[in-house]
């Protein structure tokens, strides 16, 4: 049986060093075009397919892959407009860096409950075994055990949560404060916040500090309260996953409060669109009978006339990826700008 060609045997046949063979595949700029073509032609004749990626990663301590962590299931990455924009930004930079992107749902983690050892092992299993050069964490609470595992492995993380490490943020509190001030100027004093959360059950009224709310949702709820003023009557509904159906169901809970709110402020545009669906099903006109606001400014927000906060989601993903992959980037904390966009879904209070 013929011996399988190796990097060393190809190097010997070509009369060059093994590192030159490796450069022909991984760092072509280090060789002249003529030398690289000669090496690749000889390798093809010998039946050599290139350096073993596993062995290469062990030597270089690099895998050529980064993970994107979500506190949701995997379908979220493909169905949520915010998430697809974020991933587009990540993918653009990863492509330039010749780096693979691994989508990794890590599940929600609530600080309000104690997890068994088996539950924690299930939450961190994939990340414990994955070959990664780094990870991007979107909306993952700082107490999530997956972040502890990554730290133990020495894998760098860039987060969308301000947890003291490297992060790329928008000022959720300040942006929501401007939404609250806008509603206050329109005369709204009874407002319900519809917030996405780790809940899977029916929508329920909660405190703005409820651990089940995602970190950014809590910040937005507090910002809304600050913008509305202390005299405003503010309630918060935990809506569950960020889907239009969740927004519709949470709106039913919000509209059932007494007295009925004059405005519903959703922590995402997707939820806001669900709120609008619920209002129209009741024969109510958004912006006239009940005002509605969102957050993100996804494409459907403009079509739906949603007053919202515009954040540069694609840029957020790109900046996170550069912070992880570009050695020339020294920033450890970046805050991106936001803009209040007023549309027809908000108007003067009807009461």
C-alpha atoms as a PDB file:
ATOM      1  CA  UNK A   1       0.000   0.000   0.000  1.00  0.00           C
ATOM      2  CA  UNK A   2       1.386   3.390  -1.020  1.00  0.00           C
ATOM      3  CA  UNK A   3       2.321   5.747   1.798  1.00  0.00           C
ATOM      4  CA  UNK A   4      -0.012   8.722   2.120  1.00  0.00           C
ATOM      5  CA  UNK A   5       1.888  11.910   1.195  1.00  0.00           C
ATOM      6  CA  UNK A   6       2.578  14.306   4.049  1.00  0.00           C
ATOM      7  CA  UNK A   7       3.552  17.944   4.306  1.00  0.00           C
ATOM      8  CA  UNK A   8       7.153  16.885   4.956  1.00  0.00           C
ATOM      9  CA  UNK A   9       7.300  14.533   1.968  1.00  0.00           C
ATOM     10  CA  UNK A  10       5.942  17.248  -0.355  1.00  0.00           C
ATOM     11  CA  UNK A  11       8.473  19.707   1.069  1.00  0.00           C
ATOM     12  CA  UNK A  12      11.296  17.232   0.440  1.00  0.00           C
ATOM     13  CA  UNK A  13      10.136  16.635  -3.131  1.00  0.00           C
ATOM     14  CA  UNK A  14       9.865  20.359  -3.789  1.00  0.00           C
ATOM     15  CA  UNK A  15      13.189  21.132  -2.129  1.00  0.00           C
ATOM     16  CA  UNK A  16      11.652  23.679   0.261  1.00  0.00           C
ATOM     17  CA  UNK A  17      10.867  23.843   3.973  1.00  0.00           C
ATOM     18  CA  UNK A  18       7.612  22.478   5.444  1.00  0.00           C
ATOM     19  CA  UNK A  19       6.629  26.037   6.438  1.00  0.00           C
ATOM     20  CA  UNK A  20       6.839  27.047   2.753  1.00  0.00           C
ATOM     21  CA  UNK A  21       4.385  24.282   1.863  1.00  0.00           C
ATOM     22  CA  UNK A  22       2.047  25.511   4.611  1.00  0.00           C
ATOM     23  CA  UNK A  23       2.337  29.087   3.325  1.00  0.00           C
ATOM     24  CA  UNK A  24       1.341  27.938  -0.144  1.00  0.00           C
ATOM     25  CA  UNK A  25      -2.055  26.993   1.286  1.00  0.00           C
ATOM     26  CA  UNK A  26      -2.580  29.469   4.110  1.00  0.00           C
ATOM     27  CA  UNK A  27      -0.375  32.521   3.403  1.00  0.00           C
ATOM     28  CA  UNK A  28       0.060  32.795  -0.351  1.00  0.00           C
ATOM     29  CA  UNK A  29       1.279  36.387  -0.067  1.00  0.00           C
ATOM     30  CA  UNK A  30       4.506  35.019   1.480  1.00  0.00           C
ATOM     31  CA  UNK A  31       5.467  33.251  -1.790  1.00  0.00           C
ATOM     32  CA  UNK A  32       6.032  34.270  -5.372  1.00  0.00           C
ATOM     33  CA  UNK A  33       3.151  33.228  -7.672  1.00  0.00           C
ATOM     34  CA  UNK A  34       5.491  30.972  -9.641  1.00  0.00           C
ATOM     35  CA  UNK A  35       6.756  29.120  -6.547  1.00  0.00           C
ATOM     36  CA  UNK A  36       3.257  28.685  -5.168  1.00  0.00           C
ATOM     37  CA  UNK A  37       1.993  27.265  -8.490  1.00  0.00           C
ATOM     38  CA  UNK A  38       4.922  24.836  -8.623  1.00  0.00           C
ATOM     39  CA  UNK A  39       4.210  23.621  -5.084  1.00  0.00           C
ATOM     40  CA  UNK A  40       0.468  23.200  -5.681  1.00  0.00           C
ATOM     41  CA  UNK A  41       1.062  21.353  -8.956  1.00  0.00           C
ATOM     42  CA  UNK A  42       3.531  18.989  -7.290  1.00  0.00           C
ATOM     43  CA  UNK A  43       1.172  18.428  -4.334  1.00  0.00           C
ATOM     44  CA  UNK A  44      -1.659  17.557  -6.724  1.00  0.00           C
ATOM     45  CA  UNK A  45       0.558  15.078  -8.586  1.00  0.00           C
ATOM     46  CA  UNK A  46       1.500  13.415  -5.298  1.00  0.00           C
ATOM     47  CA  UNK A  47      -2.119  13.276  -4.131  1.00  0.00           C
ATOM     48  CA  UNK A  48      -1.557  15.671  -1.224  1.00  0.00           C
ATOM     49  CA  UNK A  49      -4.749  17.567  -0.260  1.00  0.00           C
ATOM     50  CA  UNK A  50      -3.149  20.187   1.992  1.00  0.00           C
ATOM     51  CA  UNK A  51      -2.176  20.579   5.659  1.00  0.00           C
ATOM     52  CA  UNK A  52      -4.333  18.746   8.209  1.00  0.00           C
ATOM     53  CA  UNK A  53      -6.615  21.460   9.673  1.00  0.00           C
ATOM     54  CA  UNK A  54      -6.749  19.744  13.065  1.00  0.00           C
ATOM     55  CA  UNK A  55      -2.975  19.499  13.304  1.00  0.00           C
ATOM     56  CA  UNK A  56      -2.632  23.082  12.054  1.00  0.00           C
ATOM     57  CA  UNK A  57      -5.022  24.367  14.697  1.00  0.00           C
ATOM     58  CA  UNK A  58      -3.126  22.511  17.424  1.00  0.00           C
ATOM     59  CA  UNK A  59       0.152  24.096  16.317  1.00  0.00           C
ATOM     60  CA  UNK A  60      -1.184  27.597  15.801  1.00  0.00           C
ATOM     61  CA  UNK A  61      -3.765  27.439  18.611  1.00  0.00           C
ATOM     62  CA  UNK A  62      -6.254  28.859  16.127  1.00  0.00           C
ATOM     63  CA  UNK A  63      -9.302  27.077  14.749  1.00  0.00           C
ATOM     64  CA  UNK A  64     -10.484  29.591  12.142  1.00  0.00           C
ATOM     65  CA  UNK A  65     -13.954  29.742  13.727  1.00  0.00           C
ATOM     66  CA  UNK A  66     -15.862  32.060  16.035  1.00  0.00           C
ATOM     67  CA  UNK A  67     -19.151  31.361  17.778  1.00  0.00           C
ATOM     68  CA  UNK A  68     -22.231  33.570  17.997  1.00  0.00           C
ATOM     69  CA  UNK A  69     -24.130  32.825  21.211  1.00  0.00           C
ATOM     70  CA  UNK A  70     -27.896  33.357  21.514  1.00  0.00           C
ATOM     71  CA  UNK A  71     -30.102  33.092  24.584  1.00  0.00           C
ATOM     72  CA  UNK A  72     -32.831  31.751  22.276  1.00  0.00           C
ATOM     73  CA  UNK A  73     -33.331  28.641  20.155  1.00  0.00           C
ATOM     74  CA  UNK A  74     -31.629  28.315  16.779  1.00  0.00           C
ATOM     75  CA  UNK A  75     -34.732  29.256  14.767  1.00  0.00           C
ATOM     76  CA  UNK A  76     -34.442  32.717  16.341  1.00  0.00           C
ATOM     77  CA  UNK A  77     -31.258  33.343  14.376  1.00  0.00           C
ATOM     78  CA  UNK A  78     -33.110  32.874  11.078  1.00  0.00           C
ATOM     79  CA  UNK A  79     -36.502  34.383  11.896  1.00  0.00           C
ATOM     80  CA  UNK A  80     -35.762  37.510  13.927  1.00  0.00           C
ATOM     81  CA  UNK A  81     -35.035  40.622  11.791  1.00  0.00           C
ATOM     82  CA  UNK A  82     -32.716  42.121  14.410  1.00  0.00           C
ATOM     83  CA  UNK A  83     -30.733  38.901  14.575  1.00  0.00           C
ATOM     84  CA  UNK A  84     -30.391  38.497  10.811  1.00  0.00           C
ATOM     85  CA  UNK A  85     -29.078  42.073  10.536  1.00  0.00           C
ATOM     86  CA  UNK A  86     -26.590  41.476  13.350  1.00  0.00           C
ATOM     87  CA  UNK A  87     -25.392  38.266  11.691  1.00  0.00           C
ATOM     88  CA  UNK A  88     -24.994  40.033   8.355  1.00  0.00           C
ATOM     89  CA  UNK A  89     -22.568  42.465   9.965  1.00  0.00           C
ATOM     90  CA  UNK A  90     -20.684  39.623  11.646  1.00  0.00           C
ATOM     91  CA  UNK A  91     -20.531  37.621   8.419  1.00  0.00           C
ATOM     92  CA  UNK A  92     -19.148  40.526   6.398  1.00  0.00           C
ATOM     93  CA  UNK A  93     -16.153  40.893   8.712  1.00  0.00           C
ATOM     94  CA  UNK A  94     -15.694  37.134   9.172  1.00  0.00           C
ATOM     95  CA  UNK A  95     -15.602  36.656   5.402  1.00  0.00           C
ATOM     96  CA  UNK A  96     -12.872  39.283   5.071  1.00  0.00           C
ATOM     97  CA  UNK A  97     -10.920  37.523   7.835  1.00  0.00           C
ATOM     98  CA  UNK A  98     -11.467  34.064   6.269  1.00  0.00           C
ATOM     99  CA  UNK A  99     -13.139  32.948   9.480  1.00  0.00           C
ATOM    100  CA  UNK A 100     -16.083  30.583   9.909  1.00  0.00           C
ATOM    101  CA  UNK A 101     -19.113  31.536  12.000  1.00  0.00           C
ATOM    102  CA  UNK A 102     -20.765  28.937  14.230  1.00  0.00           C
ATOM    103  CA  UNK A 103     -24.298  29.708  15.476  1.00  0.00           C
ATOM    104  CA  UNK A 104     -24.673  28.490  19.050  1.00  0.00           C
ATOM    105  CA  UNK A 105     -27.986  28.668  20.924  1.00  0.00           C
ATOM    106  CA  UNK A 106     -27.104  28.503  24.627  1.00  0.00           C
ATOM    107  CA  UNK A 107     -30.606  28.775  26.046  1.00  0.00           C
ATOM    108  CA  UNK A 108     -31.997  31.350  28.462  1.00  0.00           C
ATOM    109  CA  UNK A 109     -30.607  31.646  31.959  1.00  0.00           C
ATOM    110  CA  UNK A 110     -32.520  33.323  34.767  1.00  0.00           C
ATOM    111  CA  UNK A 111     -30.796  34.646  37.887  1.00  0.00           C
ATOM    112  CA  UNK A 112     -34.045  34.124  39.785  1.00  0.00           C
ATOM    113  CA  UNK A 113     -33.763  30.339  39.926  1.00  0.00           C
ATOM    114  CA  UNK A 114     -31.201  27.746  40.972  1.00  0.00           C
ATOM    115  CA  UNK A 115     -30.058  25.309  38.284  1.00  0.00           C
ATOM    116  CA  UNK A 116     -29.163  21.700  38.934  1.00  0.00           C
ATOM    117  CA  UNK A 117     -25.779  20.402  37.838  1.00  0.00           C
ATOM    118  CA  UNK A 118     -27.390  18.498  34.963  1.00  0.00           C
ATOM    119  CA  UNK A 119     -29.213  21.627  33.770  1.00  0.00           C
ATOM    120  CA  UNK A 120     -26.014  23.678  33.816  1.00  0.00           C
ATOM    121  CA  UNK A 121     -24.118  20.938  31.994  1.00  0.00           C
ATOM    122  CA  UNK A 122     -26.807  20.899  29.314  1.00  0.00           C
ATOM    123  CA  UNK A 123     -26.599  24.679  28.919  1.00  0.00           C
ATOM    124  CA  UNK A 124     -22.824  24.679  28.440  1.00  0.00           C
ATOM    125  CA  UNK A 125     -22.203  21.340  26.704  1.00  0.00           C
ATOM    126  CA  UNK A 126     -21.889  22.624  23.132  1.00  0.00           C
ATOM    127  CA  UNK A 127     -19.674  25.541  24.074  1.00  0.00           C
ATOM    128  CA  UNK A 128     -17.441  23.395  26.261  1.00  0.00           C
ATOM    129  CA  UNK A 129     -16.680  21.117  23.290  1.00  0.00           C
ATOM    130  CA  UNK A 130     -16.592  23.657  20.436  1.00  0.00           C
ATOM    131  CA  UNK A 131     -13.312  24.595  18.758  1.00  0.00           C
ATOM    132  CA  UNK A 132     -13.419  28.397  18.836  1.00  0.00           C
ATOM    133  CA  UNK A 133     -11.031  31.333  18.564  1.00  0.00           C
ATOM    134  CA  UNK A 134     -13.581  33.620  20.203  1.00  0.00           C
ATOM    135  CA  UNK A 135     -17.275  34.228  20.739  1.00  0.00           C
ATOM    136  CA  UNK A 136     -19.862  36.972  20.290  1.00  0.00           C
ATOM    137  CA  UNK A 137     -22.647  36.970  22.887  1.00  0.00           C
ATOM    138  CA  UNK A 138     -25.928  38.681  22.018  1.00  0.00           C
ATOM    139  CA  UNK A 139     -28.262  39.344  24.938  1.00  0.00           C
ATOM    140  CA  UNK A 140     -26.631  36.660  27.104  1.00  0.00           C
ATOM    141  CA  UNK A 141     -26.894  37.554  30.793  1.00  0.00           C
ATOM    142  CA  UNK A 142     -23.540  38.016  32.520  1.00  0.00           C
ATOM    143  CA  UNK A 143     -24.428  35.268  35.019  1.00  0.00           C
ATOM    144  CA  UNK A 144     -24.968  32.639  32.305  1.00  0.00           C
ATOM    145  CA  UNK A 145     -22.672  29.644  33.006  1.00  0.00           C
ATOM    146  CA  UNK A 146     -21.613  29.532  29.356  1.00  0.00           C
ATOM    147  CA  UNK A 147     -19.625  32.751  29.871  1.00  0.00           C
ATOM    148  CA  UNK A 148     -17.850  31.216  32.848  1.00  0.00           C
ATOM    149  CA  UNK A 149     -16.899  28.185  30.738  1.00  0.00           C
ATOM    150  CA  UNK A 150     -15.511  30.404  27.979  1.00  0.00           C
ATOM    151  CA  UNK A 151     -13.485  32.366  30.534  1.00  0.00           C
ATOM    152  CA  UNK A 152     -12.096  29.125  31.985  1.00  0.00           C
ATOM    153  CA  UNK A 153     -11.050  28.056  28.486  1.00  0.00           C
ATOM    154  CA  UNK A 154      -9.395  31.419  27.843  1.00  0.00           C
ATOM    155  CA  UNK A 155     -11.661  32.145  24.869  1.00  0.00           C
ATOM    156  CA  UNK A 156     -12.228  35.897  24.338  1.00  0.00           C
ATOM    157  CA  UNK A 157     -15.816  37.167  24.268  1.00  0.00           C
ATOM    158  CA  UNK A 158     -17.412  40.344  22.928  1.00  0.00           C
ATOM    159  CA  UNK A 159     -20.891  40.996  24.284  1.00  0.00           C
ATOM    160  CA  UNK A 160     -23.902  43.231  23.628  1.00  0.00           C
ATOM    161  CA  UNK A 161     -24.319  43.434  27.432  1.00  0.00           C
ATOM    162  CA  UNK A 162     -22.214  45.792  29.532  1.00  0.00           C
ATOM    163  CA  UNK A 163     -20.738  43.189  31.876  1.00  0.00           C
ATOM    164  CA  UNK A 164     -17.329  44.754  32.437  1.00  0.00           C
ATOM    165  CA  UNK A 165     -15.686  42.944  29.531  1.00  0.00           C
ATOM    166  CA  UNK A 166     -15.356  43.800  25.863  1.00  0.00           C
ATOM    167  CA  UNK A 167     -18.719  44.955  24.535  1.00  0.00           C
ATOM    168  CA  UNK A 168     -20.522  46.817  21.755  1.00  0.00           C
ATOM    169  CA  UNK A 169     -23.640  48.607  22.964  1.00  0.00           C
ATOM    170  CA  UNK A 170     -26.312  51.141  22.339  1.00  0.00           C
ATOM    171  CA  UNK A 171     -27.425  53.293  25.262  1.00  0.00           C
ATOM    172  CA  UNK A 172     -30.714  51.477  25.804  1.00  0.00           C
ATOM    173  CA  UNK A 173     -31.667  53.594  28.816  1.00  0.00           C
ATOM    174  CA  UNK A 174     -31.063  56.931  27.089  1.00  0.00           C
ATOM    175  CA  UNK A 175     -32.793  55.819  23.873  1.00  0.00           C
ATOM    176  CA  UNK A 176     -35.875  54.654  25.782  1.00  0.00           C
ATOM    177  CA  UNK A 177     -35.825  57.844  27.855  1.00  0.00           C
ATOM    178  CA  UNK A 178     -36.316  59.793  24.613  1.00  0.00           C
ATOM    179  CA  UNK A 179     -39.258  57.530  23.741  1.00  0.00           C
ATOM    180  CA  UNK A 180     -40.749  58.207  27.175  1.00  0.00           C
ATOM    181  CA  UNK A 181     -40.241  61.949  26.791  1.00  0.00           C
ATOM    182  CA  UNK A 182     -41.950  61.809  23.383  1.00  0.00           C
ATOM    183  CA  UNK A 183     -44.983  60.040  24.867  1.00  0.00           C
ATOM    184  CA  UNK A 184     -45.048  62.443  27.809  1.00  0.00           C
ATOM    185  CA  UNK A 185     -45.092  65.438  25.444  1.00  0.00           C
ATOM    186  CA  UNK A 186     -48.135  63.867  23.764  1.00  0.00           C
ATOM    187  CA  UNK A 187     -49.930  63.726  27.112  1.00  0.00           C
ATOM    188  CA  UNK A 188     -49.583  60.001  27.849  1.00  0.00           C
ATOM    189  CA  UNK A 189     -49.590  59.117  31.549  1.00  0.00           C
ATOM    190  CA  UNK A 190     -50.840  55.492  31.521  1.00  0.00           C
ATOM    191  CA  UNK A 191     -48.286  53.389  29.663  1.00  0.00           C
ATOM    192  CA  UNK A 192     -47.639  49.649  29.521  1.00  0.00           C
ATOM    193  CA  UNK A 193     -44.249  48.281  28.489  1.00  0.00           C
ATOM    194  CA  UNK A 194     -44.383  45.030  26.507  1.00  0.00           C
ATOM    195  CA  UNK A 195     -40.969  43.426  27.060  1.00  0.00           C
ATOM    196  CA  UNK A 196     -39.341  40.324  25.577  1.00  0.00           C
ATOM    197  CA  UNK A 197     -38.189  37.862  28.184  1.00  0.00           C
ATOM    198  CA  UNK A 198     -37.138  34.317  29.047  1.00  0.00           C
ATOM    199  CA  UNK A 199     -40.738  33.339  29.786  1.00  0.00           C
ATOM    200  CA  UNK A 200     -42.383  30.686  27.629  1.00  0.00           C
ATOM    201  CA  UNK A 201     -45.804  30.813  29.227  1.00  0.00           C
ATOM    202  CA  UNK A 202     -48.646  33.330  29.149  1.00  0.00           C
ATOM    203  CA  UNK A 203     -47.876  37.058  29.342  1.00  0.00           C
ATOM    204  CA  UNK A 204     -47.781  38.299  32.913  1.00  0.00           C
ATOM    205  CA  UNK A 205     -47.392  41.628  34.700  1.00  0.00           C
ATOM    206  CA  UNK A 206     -43.917  41.938  36.269  1.00  0.00           C
ATOM    207  CA  UNK A 207     -41.629  44.462  37.905  1.00  0.00           C
ATOM    208  CA  UNK A 208     -39.251  46.430  35.627  1.00  0.00           C
ATOM    209  CA  UNK A 209     -36.442  44.768  37.607  1.00  0.00           C
ATOM    210  CA  UNK A 210     -37.715  41.226  36.964  1.00  0.00           C
ATOM    211  CA  UNK A 211     -34.719  38.913  36.251  1.00  0.00           C
ATOM    212  CA  UNK A 212     -36.790  37.081  33.624  1.00  0.00           C
ATOM    213  CA  UNK A 213     -36.590  40.161  31.364  1.00  0.00           C
ATOM    214  CA  UNK A 214     -33.594  40.356  29.056  1.00  0.00           C
ATOM    215  CA  UNK A 215     -30.942  42.860  30.270  1.00  0.00           C
ATOM    216  CA  UNK A 216     -31.625  45.363  27.484  1.00  0.00           C
ATOM    217  CA  UNK A 217     -35.400  45.089  28.068  1.00  0.00           C
ATOM    218  CA  UNK A 218     -34.920  46.078  31.709  1.00  0.00           C
ATOM    219  CA  UNK A 219     -32.794  49.052  30.690  1.00  0.00           C
ATOM    220  CA  UNK A 220     -35.434  50.154  28.186  1.00  0.00           C
ATOM    221  CA  UNK A 221     -38.227  49.838  30.767  1.00  0.00           C
ATOM    222  CA  UNK A 222     -36.275  51.994  33.232  1.00  0.00           C
ATOM    223  CA  UNK A 223     -35.490  54.540  30.520  1.00  0.00           C
ATOM    224  CA  UNK A 224     -39.163  54.798  29.595  1.00  0.00           C
ATOM    225  CA  UNK A 225     -40.063  55.447  33.220  1.00  0.00           C
ATOM    226  CA  UNK A 226     -37.436  58.171  33.451  1.00  0.00           C
ATOM    227  CA  UNK A 227     -38.702  59.835  30.268  1.00  0.00           C
ATOM    228  CA  UNK A 228     -42.365  59.658  31.300  1.00  0.00           C
ATOM    229  CA  UNK A 229     -41.729  61.144  34.744  1.00  0.00           C
ATOM    230  CA  UNK A 230     -42.596  59.913  38.208  1.00  0.00           C
ATOM    231  CA  UNK A 231     -46.229  60.968  37.921  1.00  0.00           C
ATOM    232  CA  UNK A 232     -46.853  58.494  35.094  1.00  0.00           C
ATOM    233  CA  UNK A 233     -48.515  55.143  35.710  1.00  0.00           C
ATOM    234  CA  UNK A 234     -46.185  52.519  34.195  1.00  0.00           C
ATOM    235  CA  UNK A 235     -46.748  48.755  34.096  1.00  0.00           C
ATOM    236  CA  UNK A 236     -44.599  46.041  32.497  1.00  0.00           C
ATOM    237  CA  UNK A 237     -45.802  42.867  30.752  1.00  0.00           C
ATOM    238  CA  UNK A 238     -43.373  39.988  30.267  1.00  0.00           C
ATOM    239  CA  UNK A 239     -44.152  38.881  26.703  1.00  0.00           C
ATOM    240  CA  UNK A 240     -41.823  35.906  26.292  1.00  0.00           C
ATOM    241  CA  UNK A 241     -39.955  35.352  23.028  1.00  0.00           C
ATOM    242  CA  UNK A 242     -39.514  38.177  20.563  1.00  0.00           C
ATOM    243  CA  UNK A 243     -42.239  37.224  18.089  1.00  0.00           C
ATOM    244  CA  UNK A 244     -45.200  39.034  16.607  1.00  0.00           C
ATOM    245  CA  UNK A 245     -47.548  36.531  18.242  1.00  0.00           C
ATOM    246  CA  UNK A 246     -45.959  37.250  21.631  1.00  0.00           C
ATOM    247  CA  UNK A 247     -46.603  40.940  21.073  1.00  0.00           C
ATOM    248  CA  UNK A 248     -50.226  40.311  20.166  1.00  0.00           C
ATOM    249  CA  UNK A 249     -50.844  38.177  23.240  1.00  0.00           C
ATOM    250  CA  UNK A 250     -49.000  40.594  25.536  1.00  0.00           C
ATOM    251  CA  UNK A 251     -51.094  43.453  24.147  1.00  0.00           C
ATOM    252  CA  UNK A 252     -54.260  41.642  25.241  1.00  0.00           C
ATOM    253  CA  UNK A 253     -52.861  41.544  28.779  1.00  0.00           C
ATOM    254  CA  UNK A 254     -51.854  45.212  28.568  1.00  0.00           C
ATOM    255  CA  UNK A 255     -55.247  46.357  27.267  1.00  0.00           C
ATOM    256  CA  UNK A 256     -57.003  44.419  30.021  1.00  0.00           C
ATOM    257  CA  UNK A 257     -55.424  46.586  32.729  1.00  0.00           C
ATOM    258  CA  UNK A 258     -57.707  49.163  34.282  1.00  0.00           C
ATOM    259  CA  UNK A 259     -57.786  51.932  33.378  1.00  0.00           C
ATOM    260  CA  UNK A 260     -56.750  51.038  29.836  1.00  0.00           C
ATOM    261  CA  UNK A 261     -53.329  52.423  28.854  1.00  0.00           C
ATOM    262  CA  UNK A 262     -53.171  55.275  26.373  1.00  0.00           C
ATOM    263  CA  UNK A 263     -49.837  53.981  25.044  1.00  0.00           C
ATOM    264  CA  UNK A 264     -48.001  50.655  24.745  1.00  0.00           C
ATOM    265  CA  UNK A 265     -44.205  50.802  24.497  1.00  0.00           C
ATOM    266  CA  UNK A 266     -42.667  47.586  23.156  1.00  0.00           C
ATOM    267  CA  UNK A 267     -39.001  46.789  23.686  1.00  0.00           C
ATOM    268  CA  UNK A 268     -38.660  45.613  20.052  1.00  0.00           C
ATOM    269  CA  UNK A 269     -40.329  46.419  16.729  1.00  0.00           C
ATOM    270  CA  UNK A 270     -41.428  42.804  16.307  1.00  0.00           C
ATOM    271  CA  UNK A 271     -43.410  43.004  19.543  1.00  0.00           C
ATOM    272  CA  UNK A 272     -44.753  46.429  18.552  1.00  0.00           C
ATOM    273  CA  UNK A 273     -46.111  45.020  15.298  1.00  0.00           C
ATOM    274  CA  UNK A 274     -47.909  42.336  17.308  1.00  0.00           C
ATOM    275  CA  UNK A 275     -49.377  45.045  19.533  1.00  0.00           C
ATOM    276  CA  UNK A 276     -50.664  46.843  16.431  1.00  0.00           C
ATOM    277  CA  UNK A 277     -52.264  43.579  15.255  1.00  0.00           C
ATOM    278  CA  UNK A 278     -54.103  43.281  18.592  1.00  0.00           C
ATOM    279  CA  UNK A 279     -55.322  46.878  18.461  1.00  0.00           C
ATOM    280  CA  UNK A 280     -56.683  46.542  14.944  1.00  0.00           C
ATOM    281  CA  UNK A 281     -58.412  43.273  15.860  1.00  0.00           C
ATOM    282  CA  UNK A 282     -60.291  45.276  18.498  1.00  0.00           C
ATOM    283  CA  UNK A 283     -61.169  48.026  16.050  1.00  0.00           C
ATOM    284  CA  UNK A 284     -58.699  50.447  17.672  1.00  0.00           C
ATOM    285  CA  UNK A 285     -56.525  52.785  15.605  1.00  0.00           C
ATOM    286  CA  UNK A 286     -52.795  52.919  16.499  1.00  0.00           C
ATOM    287  CA  UNK A 287     -51.724  56.490  17.153  1.00  0.00           C
ATOM    288  CA  UNK A 288     -55.314  57.642  17.672  1.00  0.00           C
ATOM    289  CA  UNK A 289     -56.926  55.339  20.235  1.00  0.00           C
ATOM    290  CA  UNK A 290     -53.696  53.874  21.642  1.00  0.00           C
ATOM    291  CA  UNK A 291     -50.148  54.929  20.782  1.00  0.00           C
ATOM    292  CA  UNK A 292     -47.494  52.277  20.108  1.00  0.00           C
ATOM    293  CA  UNK A 293     -43.696  52.455  20.056  1.00  0.00           C
ATOM    294  CA  UNK A 294     -40.982  49.941  19.225  1.00  0.00           C
ATOM    295  CA  UNK A 295     -37.200  49.644  19.167  1.00  0.00           C
ATOM    296  CA  UNK A 296     -34.650  48.723  16.417  1.00  0.00           C
ATOM    297  CA  UNK A 297     -36.267  50.209  13.248  1.00  0.00           C
ATOM    298  CA  UNK A 298     -36.462  46.986  11.251  1.00  0.00           C
ATOM    299  CA  UNK A 299     -37.799  47.209   7.685  1.00  0.00           C
ATOM    300  CA  UNK A 300     -41.354  46.283   8.693  1.00  0.00           C
ATOM    301  CA  UNK A 301     -41.424  49.103  11.251  1.00  0.00           C
ATOM    302  CA  UNK A 302     -41.443  51.751   8.540  1.00  0.00           C
ATOM    303  CA  UNK A 303     -44.118  49.923   6.546  1.00  0.00           C
ATOM    304  CA  UNK A 304     -46.214  49.608   9.718  1.00  0.00           C
ATOM    305  CA  UNK A 305     -45.823  53.277  10.654  1.00  0.00           C
ATOM    306  CA  UNK A 306     -44.140  52.370  13.949  1.00  0.00           C
ATOM    307  CA  UNK A 307     -42.549  55.119  16.024  1.00  0.00           C
ATOM    308  CA  UNK A 308     -39.287  53.540  17.117  1.00  0.00           C
ATOM    309  CA  UNK A 309     -35.626  53.861  18.026  1.00  0.00           C
ATOM    310  CA  UNK A 310     -33.250  53.300  15.134  1.00  0.00           C
ATOM    311  CA  UNK A 311     -30.086  51.465  16.089  1.00  0.00           C
ATOM    312  CA  UNK A 312     -27.298  50.445  13.646  1.00  0.00           C
ATOM    313  CA  UNK A 313     -27.746  46.686  14.080  1.00  0.00           C
ATOM    314  CA  UNK A 314     -25.598  45.586  11.137  1.00  0.00           C
ATOM    315  CA  UNK A 315     -22.817  47.933  12.226  1.00  0.00           C
ATOM    316  CA  UNK A 316     -23.081  46.502  15.745  1.00  0.00           C
ATOM    317  CA  UNK A 317     -22.386  43.006  14.413  1.00  0.00           C
ATOM    318  CA  UNK A 318     -19.487  44.224  12.290  1.00  0.00           C
ATOM    319  CA  UNK A 319     -17.872  46.171  15.136  1.00  0.00           C
ATOM    320  CA  UNK A 320     -18.201  43.161  17.456  1.00  0.00           C
ATOM    321  CA  UNK A 321     -16.531  40.896  14.905  1.00  0.00           C
ATOM    322  CA  UNK A 322     -13.699  43.377  14.255  1.00  0.00           C
ATOM    323  CA  UNK A 323     -13.094  43.727  17.992  1.00  0.00           C
ATOM    324  CA  UNK A 324     -12.666  39.952  18.127  1.00  0.00           C
ATOM    325  CA  UNK A 325     -10.784  39.310  14.874  1.00  0.00           C
ATOM    326  CA  UNK A 326      -8.751  42.420  14.041  1.00  0.00           C
ATOM    327  CA  UNK A 327      -5.586  42.682  16.176  1.00  0.00           C
ATOM    328  CA  UNK A 328      -5.331  46.381  15.331  1.00  0.00           C
ATOM    329  CA  UNK A 329      -8.630  47.155  17.083  1.00  0.00           C
ATOM    330  CA  UNK A 330      -7.817  48.206  20.641  1.00  0.00           C
ATOM    331  CA  UNK A 331     -11.282  49.379  21.722  1.00  0.00           C
ATOM    332  CA  UNK A 332     -12.817  47.377  24.552  1.00  0.00           C
ATOM    333  CA  UNK A 333     -16.129  49.238  24.848  1.00  0.00           C
ATOM    334  CA  UNK A 334     -18.000  50.882  21.968  1.00  0.00           C
ATOM    335  CA  UNK A 335     -21.358  52.665  22.254  1.00  0.00           C
ATOM    336  CA  UNK A 336     -23.152  53.208  18.943  1.00  0.00           C
ATOM    337  CA  UNK A 337     -25.609  56.079  18.331  1.00  0.00           C
ATOM    338  CA  UNK A 338     -29.396  55.762  18.233  1.00  0.00           C
ATOM    339  CA  UNK A 339     -32.138  57.969  16.783  1.00  0.00           C
ATOM    340  CA  UNK A 340     -35.804  58.428  17.679  1.00  0.00           C
ATOM    341  CA  UNK A 341     -37.936  57.996  14.543  1.00  0.00           C
ATOM    342  CA  UNK A 342     -41.491  59.349  14.925  1.00  0.00           C
ATOM    343  CA  UNK A 343     -44.218  57.869  12.735  1.00  0.00           C
ATOM    344  CA  UNK A 344     -47.999  57.532  12.727  1.00  0.00           C
ATOM    345  CA  UNK A 345     -48.269  54.959  15.530  1.00  0.00           C
ATOM    346  CA  UNK A 346     -47.960  57.696  18.160  1.00  0.00           C
ATOM    347  CA  UNK A 347     -50.272  60.664  18.654  1.00  0.00           C
ATOM    348  CA  UNK A 348     -51.839  62.787  21.405  1.00  0.00           C
ATOM    349  CA  UNK A 349     -53.377  60.904  24.325  1.00  0.00           C
ATOM    350  CA  UNK A 350     -57.075  60.230  23.799  1.00  0.00           C
ATOM    351  CA  UNK A 351     -57.749  60.691  27.537  1.00  0.00           C
END
